[in-house]
Amino acid sequence: MKAPLTQERAKTLTKDLLFFVAGSLIYAVSVKMFTAPNHIASGGVTGLSIVLNYLFHTPIGATAFLINIPIFIWAIVEIGYKLVAKTFVATLLSSAAIDLMGVVIPPYEGNQMLAAIFGGVLEGVGLALVFTRGGTTGGTDMVARLLGRHFRHLSMGKLMLGVDFVIIVFSGFAFQSMESALYALLTIFVSTRLIDAILYGTDMGNGKVLFIISEKNEEIAQNILIGLDRGVTALKSRGGYSGREGEVLLCAVRRYEVSKVYDIVHSVDTNAFIIVGEAGEITGEGFREIKPDDKSLRQILKENRKKKELPPEKT
């Protein structure tokens, strides 16, 4: 029984590594060919490293990795080394690729608009490949996730935007160019839209729903809440054969987060039973938010009052 599990694990790790390498190389082309030569620091640790490279001529990749080290230490203390392992590998590969690509990739120093757009496209594709296998390149998203544990009233998106905004403003002053900051915003817009399209498809409200059956549900639920910042619901269950009462964990995630849930579950219980299903539409915090038109909502309420013969609303 152990041999098939070992082989499956080896295949998964090999696939993870291939995606990380491909994503890191594409991301490195974005940085060394388009954004860095044109003074476009599109947020995150890499953006900060581009600014430091301009000011002090430090290598971008190595600087990004060094800046990420205290973030990794913080993350290990907060959420454990198992949940940081993939991010560490992806960050190491992307940092090395950025510095190595500078030797073979010629910089494009032409139209800044084209540099911002193509830099955003390649950045989006590269990061999406890394995200698909449950990794990140550290930096902004890791900092936002850690800050989110202490500022739970703020969403991950707002925290990431806040961190990126500070770096972009700093880059504008460093490059002494408002245009550089504006082009950085354009690069972020293009890359994030492309990442969303690759990971989630054209419908931002879809994803995956997981049912997890384990004897260590409480520990698994806590690790998912902390490691992914995703909600988990415990459903009462009863075994059809054994008749034993228990619980099934229900968790809705983005498509790229499925592999992260697998890693979390199997790090706690290798014998856990996991069912993954398609979720055609997910509405709520962290997914699609539906805000009905106020007029339409008032009309519906009025019609309901008439049907139920409720008293009219106060004006």
Protein backbone atom coordinates (compact mmCIF):
# COMPACT_ATOMS: atom_id res chain seq x y z
CA MET A 1 0.00 0.00 0.00
CA LYS A 2 2.93 2.32 0.72
CA ALA A 3 4.46 1.93 -2.74
CA PRO A 4 1.49 3.40 -4.69
CA LEU A 5 1.28 6.29 -2.20
CA THR A 6 4.99 6.98 -2.59
CA GLN A 7 4.77 6.89 -6.39
CA GLU A 8 1.75 9.20 -6.37
CA ARG A 9 3.54 11.58 -4.04
CA ALA A 10 6.62 11.56 -6.30
CA LYS A 11 4.48 12.35 -9.35
CA THR A 12 2.81 15.22 -7.51
CA LEU A 13 6.13 16.69 -6.37
CA THR A 14 7.58 16.36 -9.89
CA LYS A 15 4.58 18.12 -11.39
CA ASP A 16 4.80 20.85 -8.75
CA LEU A 17 8.48 21.39 -9.54
CA LEU A 18 7.89 21.55 -13.31
CA PHE A 19 5.14 24.14 -12.89
CA PHE A 20 7.29 26.15 -10.48
CA VAL A 21 10.27 26.15 -12.86
CA ALA A 22 8.15 27.11 -15.90
CA GLY A 23 6.30 29.81 -13.98
CA SER A 24 9.53 31.20 -12.50
CA LEU A 25 11.20 31.44 -15.93
CA ILE A 26 8.22 33.25 -17.48
CA TYR A 27 7.97 35.57 -14.48
CA ALA A 28 11.71 36.27 -14.74
CA VAL A 29 11.34 37.29 -18.40
CA SER A 30 8.63 39.74 -17.35
CA VAL A 31 10.93 41.34 -14.77
CA LYS A 32 14.26 41.39 -16.62
CA MET A 33 12.96 42.15 -20.11
CA PHE A 34 10.03 44.50 -19.51
CA THR A 35 9.37 45.92 -16.05
CA ALA A 36 12.82 46.48 -14.48
CA PRO A 37 14.50 48.09 -17.55
CA ASN A 38 11.56 50.51 -17.87
CA HIS A 39 11.43 51.47 -14.16
CA ILE A 40 8.11 49.73 -13.52
CA ALA A 41 7.86 48.34 -9.98
CA SER A 42 4.54 46.52 -9.92
CA GLY A 43 4.25 46.08 -6.17
CA GLY A 44 5.32 43.18 -4.00
CA VAL A 45 8.81 42.23 -2.88
CA THR A 46 10.00 42.02 -6.50
CA GLY A 47 8.79 45.56 -7.10
CA LEU A 48 10.68 46.76 -4.04
CA SER A 49 13.77 44.90 -5.29
CA ILE A 50 13.50 46.67 -8.66
CA VAL A 51 13.56 50.02 -6.86
CA LEU A 52 16.56 48.98 -4.75
CA ASN A 53 18.32 47.79 -7.92
CA TYR A 54 17.78 51.25 -9.43
CA LEU A 55 19.06 53.04 -6.31
CA PHE A 56 21.93 50.76 -5.23
CA HIS A 57 22.49 48.39 -8.21
CA THR A 58 21.72 45.32 -6.09
CA PRO A 59 20.70 42.09 -7.93
CA ILE A 60 16.91 41.92 -8.13
CA GLY A 61 16.46 38.19 -7.55
CA ALA A 62 18.89 37.85 -4.66
CA THR A 63 17.49 40.98 -3.00
CA ALA A 64 13.93 39.68 -3.31
CA PHE A 65 14.92 36.39 -1.70
CA LEU A 66 16.74 38.12 1.18
CA ILE A 67 13.73 40.35 1.85
CA ASN A 68 11.52 37.27 1.90
CA ILE A 69 13.61 35.47 4.55
CA PRO A 70 12.15 37.38 7.55
CA ILE A 71 8.69 36.91 6.01
CA PHE A 72 9.29 33.15 5.87
CA ILE A 73 10.43 33.13 9.50
CA TRP A 74 7.31 35.06 10.49
CA ALA A 75 5.13 32.65 8.51
CA ILE A 76 6.75 29.57 10.05
CA VAL A 77 6.15 30.94 13.54
CA GLU A 78 2.54 31.83 12.70
CA ILE A 79 1.33 28.93 10.54
CA GLY A 80 4.04 26.25 10.56
CA TYR A 81 6.77 25.18 8.15
CA LYS A 82 4.64 22.65 6.23
CA LEU A 83 2.38 25.37 4.84
CA VAL A 84 5.37 27.52 3.84
CA ALA A 85 7.47 24.84 2.11
CA LYS A 86 6.04 25.27 -1.41
CA THR A 87 6.25 29.05 -1.18
CA PHE A 88 9.91 28.81 -0.13
CA VAL A 89 10.76 26.59 -3.13
CA ALA A 90 8.83 28.78 -5.59
CA THR A 91 10.45 31.94 -4.21
CA LEU A 92 13.93 30.43 -4.43
CA LEU A 93 13.37 29.36 -8.05
CA SER A 94 11.86 32.66 -9.15
CA SER A 95 14.63 34.68 -7.46
CA ALA A 96 17.35 32.57 -9.11
CA ALA A 97 15.58 32.74 -12.49
CA ILE A 98 15.37 36.54 -12.36
CA ASP A 99 19.13 36.96 -11.89
CA LEU A 100 20.04 34.21 -14.37
CA MET A 101 17.68 35.54 -17.06
CA GLY A 102 19.52 38.85 -17.02
CA VAL A 103 22.43 37.10 -18.71
CA VAL A 104 20.47 35.69 -21.67
CA ILE A 105 17.44 37.98 -22.06
CA PRO A 106 17.96 41.39 -23.71
CA PRO A 107 16.08 44.24 -22.01
CA TYR A 108 13.28 46.02 -23.87
CA GLU A 109 13.68 49.76 -23.42
CA GLY A 110 11.09 51.04 -25.84
CA ASN A 111 7.50 52.14 -25.30
CA GLN A 112 6.64 52.04 -21.58
CA MET A 113 3.00 51.26 -22.32
CA LEU A 114 3.97 48.13 -24.24
CA ALA A 115 6.45 47.20 -21.51
CA ALA A 116 3.74 47.53 -18.84
CA ILE A 117 1.22 45.46 -20.82
CA PHE A 118 3.55 42.65 -21.90
CA GLY A 119 5.21 42.65 -18.50
CA GLY A 120 1.78 42.21 -16.93
CA VAL A 121 0.86 39.40 -19.34
CA LEU A 122 4.02 37.39 -18.65
CA GLU A 123 3.82 38.09 -14.93
CA GLY A 124 0.23 36.86 -14.87
CA VAL A 125 1.02 33.66 -16.77
CA GLY A 126 4.10 32.91 -14.67
CA LEU A 127 2.41 33.49 -11.32
CA ALA A 128 -0.70 31.57 -12.39
CA LEU A 129 1.45 28.49 -13.11
CA VAL A 130 2.93 28.74 -9.62
CA PHE A 131 -0.45 29.36 -7.97
CA THR A 132 -1.97 26.40 -9.83
CA ARG A 133 0.24 24.01 -7.88
CA GLY A 134 -0.45 25.62 -4.53
CA GLY A 135 2.67 27.80 -4.28
CA THR A 136 3.31 31.52 -4.22
CA THR A 137 6.37 33.68 -4.73
CA GLY A 138 6.16 35.04 -1.19
CA GLY A 139 6.04 38.76 -0.62
CA THR A 140 2.74 40.61 -0.76
CA ASP A 141 0.32 37.69 -0.58
CA MET A 142 2.21 36.07 2.30
CA VAL A 143 2.40 39.35 4.23
CA ALA A 144 -1.30 39.99 3.58
CA ARG A 145 -2.22 36.51 4.80
CA LEU A 146 -0.20 36.95 8.00
CA LEU A 147 -1.58 40.44 8.64
CA GLY A 148 -5.08 39.09 8.00
CA ARG A 149 -4.74 36.85 11.06
CA HIS A 150 -4.42 39.98 13.21
CA PHE A 151 -6.72 42.34 11.25
CA ARG A 152 -9.64 40.04 10.48
CA HIS A 153 -11.94 42.96 9.62
CA LEU A 154 -9.85 43.56 6.48
CA SER A 155 -10.06 41.25 3.46
CA MET A 156 -7.01 39.64 1.83
CA GLY A 157 -7.59 41.72 -1.30
CA LYS A 158 -7.56 44.99 0.64
CA LEU A 159 -4.43 44.04 2.56
CA MET A 160 -2.58 43.04 -0.62
CA LEU A 161 -3.68 46.23 -2.36
CA GLY A 162 -2.51 48.28 0.63
CA VAL A 163 0.97 46.70 0.65
CA ASP A 164 1.34 47.04 -3.13
CA PHE A 165 0.13 50.64 -3.06
CA VAL A 166 2.82 51.64 -0.55
CA ILE A 167 5.54 50.09 -2.73
CA ILE A 168 4.19 51.70 -5.91
CA VAL A 169 4.09 55.14 -4.28
CA PHE A 170 7.66 54.60 -3.04
CA SER A 171 8.75 53.64 -6.56
CA GLY A 172 7.22 56.81 -7.96
CA PHE A 173 9.38 58.91 -5.63
CA ALA A 174 12.48 56.76 -6.22
CA PHE A 175 12.20 56.94 -10.02
CA GLN A 176 11.03 60.57 -9.77
CA SER A 177 8.29 59.74 -12.24
CA MET A 178 4.55 59.66 -11.76
CA GLU A 179 4.29 57.76 -15.04
CA SER A 180 6.31 54.85 -13.62
CA ALA A 181 3.81 54.48 -10.79
CA LEU A 182 0.86 54.64 -13.20
CA TYR A 183 2.42 52.04 -15.50
CA ALA A 184 3.01 49.83 -12.45
CA LEU A 185 -0.72 50.00 -11.70
CA LEU A 186 -1.42 49.00 -15.32
CA THR A 187 0.94 46.01 -15.01
CA ILE A 188 -0.80 44.89 -11.81
CA PHE A 189 -4.21 45.21 -13.46
CA VAL A 190 -3.18 43.15 -16.50
CA SER A 191 -1.44 40.45 -14.46
CA THR A 192 -4.23 40.03 -11.90
CA ARG A 193 -6.90 39.83 -14.60
CA LEU A 194 -4.89 37.18 -16.43
CA ILE A 195 -4.27 35.23 -13.23
CA ASP A 196 -8.00 35.25 -12.51
CA ALA A 197 -8.81 34.11 -16.04
CA ILE A 198 -6.32 31.22 -15.88
CA LEU A 199 -7.15 30.07 -12.37
CA TYR A 200 -10.87 30.71 -12.17
CA GLY A 201 -12.00 30.84 -15.78
CA THR A 202 -14.27 33.58 -17.04
CA ASP A 203 -16.69 33.14 -14.14
CA MET A 204 -15.20 34.55 -10.93
CA GLY A 205 -17.94 32.92 -8.87
CA ASN A 206 -17.05 29.28 -9.51
CA GLY A 207 -14.64 26.96 -7.73
CA LYS A 208 -14.46 23.60 -5.98
CA VAL A 209 -16.29 22.17 -2.99
CA LEU A 210 -14.56 19.59 -0.80
CA PHE A 211 -16.02 17.06 1.62
CA ILE A 212 -13.43 15.77 4.09
CA ILE A 213 -13.94 12.74 6.34
CA SER A 214 -11.33 12.15 9.01
CA GLU A 215 -10.92 11.26 12.66
CA LYS A 216 -8.89 14.48 13.06
CA ASN A 217 -11.47 16.92 11.71
CA GLU A 218 -10.91 19.58 14.34
CA GLU A 219 -7.18 19.86 13.65
CA ILE A 220 -7.75 19.83 9.88
CA ALA A 221 -10.39 22.57 10.14
CA GLN A 222 -8.07 24.78 12.20
CA ASN A 223 -5.21 24.35 9.71
CA ILE A 224 -7.47 25.25 6.78
CA LEU A 225 -8.78 28.32 8.62
CA ILE A 226 -5.27 29.49 9.47
CA GLY A 227 -3.37 28.37 6.39
CA LEU A 228 -5.88 29.27 3.67
CA ASP A 229 -8.13 31.77 5.41
CA ARG A 230 -11.11 29.72 4.16
CA GLY A 231 -14.21 28.88 6.15
CA VAL A 232 -14.97 25.28 7.10
CA THR A 233 -18.39 23.89 8.08
CA ALA A 234 -18.79 20.69 10.12
CA LEU A 235 -21.81 18.66 9.02
CA LYS A 236 -23.25 15.92 11.21
CA SER A 237 -23.06 12.49 9.60
CA ARG A 238 -23.83 8.84 10.30
CA GLY A 239 -22.09 5.91 8.66
CA GLY A 240 -24.49 3.83 6.56
CA TYR A 241 -22.72 0.60 7.40
CA SER A 242 -21.31 1.23 10.86
CA GLY A 243 -24.10 3.51 12.06
CA ARG A 244 -21.45 5.55 13.85
CA GLU A 245 -22.11 9.25 14.37
CA GLY A 246 -19.48 11.67 13.09
CA GLU A 247 -18.76 14.86 11.15
CA VAL A 248 -17.96 15.74 7.55
CA LEU A 249 -16.07 18.93 6.82
CA LEU A 250 -17.41 21.11 4.00
CA CYS A 251 -15.09 23.66 2.42
CA ALA A 252 -15.47 25.84 -0.71
CA VAL A 253 -12.22 26.99 -2.34
CA ARG A 254 -10.79 28.42 -5.53
CA ARG A 255 -9.58 25.86 -8.06
CA TYR A 256 -5.88 26.48 -7.39
CA GLU A 257 -6.43 26.05 -3.64
CA VAL A 258 -7.50 22.39 -3.94
CA SER A 259 -3.88 21.19 -3.88
CA LYS A 260 -3.26 23.30 -0.76
CA VAL A 261 -6.20 21.65 0.99
CA TYR A 262 -4.84 18.21 0.02
CA ASP A 263 -1.46 19.10 1.53
CA ILE A 264 -3.07 20.39 4.73
CA VAL A 265 -5.34 17.36 5.16
CA HIS A 266 -2.66 14.77 4.42
CA SER A 267 -0.16 16.50 6.71
CA VAL A 268 -2.63 15.82 9.54
CA ASP A 269 -4.21 12.53 8.47
CA THR A 270 -2.85 10.43 5.59
CA ASN A 271 -5.93 8.20 5.77
CA ALA A 272 -8.43 11.03 5.35
CA PHE A 273 -11.21 10.56 2.76
CA ILE A 274 -11.62 13.56 0.42
CA ILE A 275 -14.33 14.19 -2.16
CA VAL A 276 -13.83 17.09 -4.59
CA GLY A 277 -16.77 18.41 -6.61
CA GLU A 278 -17.48 21.25 -9.00
CA ALA A 279 -19.14 24.38 -7.63
CA GLY A 280 -20.81 26.12 -10.56
CA GLU A 281 -21.35 29.27 -8.54
CA ILE A 282 -20.17 30.38 -5.10
CA THR A 283 -21.61 33.54 -3.60
CA GLY A 284 -20.31 35.10 -0.41
CA GLU A 285 -17.20 36.47 1.25
CA GLY A 286 -14.04 35.59 -0.61
CA PHE A 287 -15.94 34.75 -3.81
CA ARG A 288 -18.59 36.58 -5.80
CA GLU A 289 -20.47 39.29 -3.98
CA ILE A 290 -23.95 40.04 -5.28
CA LYS A 291 -25.33 43.48 -4.48
CA PRO A 292 -28.94 43.71 -5.64
CA ASP A 293 -30.20 46.95 -7.05
CA ASP A 294 -31.87 49.00 -4.29
CA LYS A 295 -34.93 49.81 -6.40
CA SER A 296 -35.43 46.18 -7.39
CA LEU A 297 -35.05 45.10 -3.78
CA ARG A 298 -37.60 47.63 -2.55
CA GLN A 299 -40.03 46.50 -5.26
CA ILE A 300 -39.66 42.86 -4.19
CA LEU A 301 -40.28 43.79 -0.56
CA LYS A 302 -43.39 45.76 -1.46
CA GLU A 303 -44.78 42.84 -3.46
CA ASN A 304 -44.12 40.48 -0.55
CA ARG A 305 -45.91 42.83 1.84
CA LYS A 306 -48.94 42.89 -0.41
CA LYS A 307 -48.97 39.10 -0.68
CA LYS A 308 -48.61 38.59 3.06
CA GLU A 309 -50.74 41.64 3.88
CA LEU A 310 -47.97 43.06 6.01
CA PRO A 311 -48.16 46.67 7.23
CA PRO A 312 -46.52 49.21 4.87
CA GLU A 313 -42.92 50.18 5.53
CA LYS A 314 -42.30 53.36 7.49
CA THR A 315 -41.10 56.40 5.55
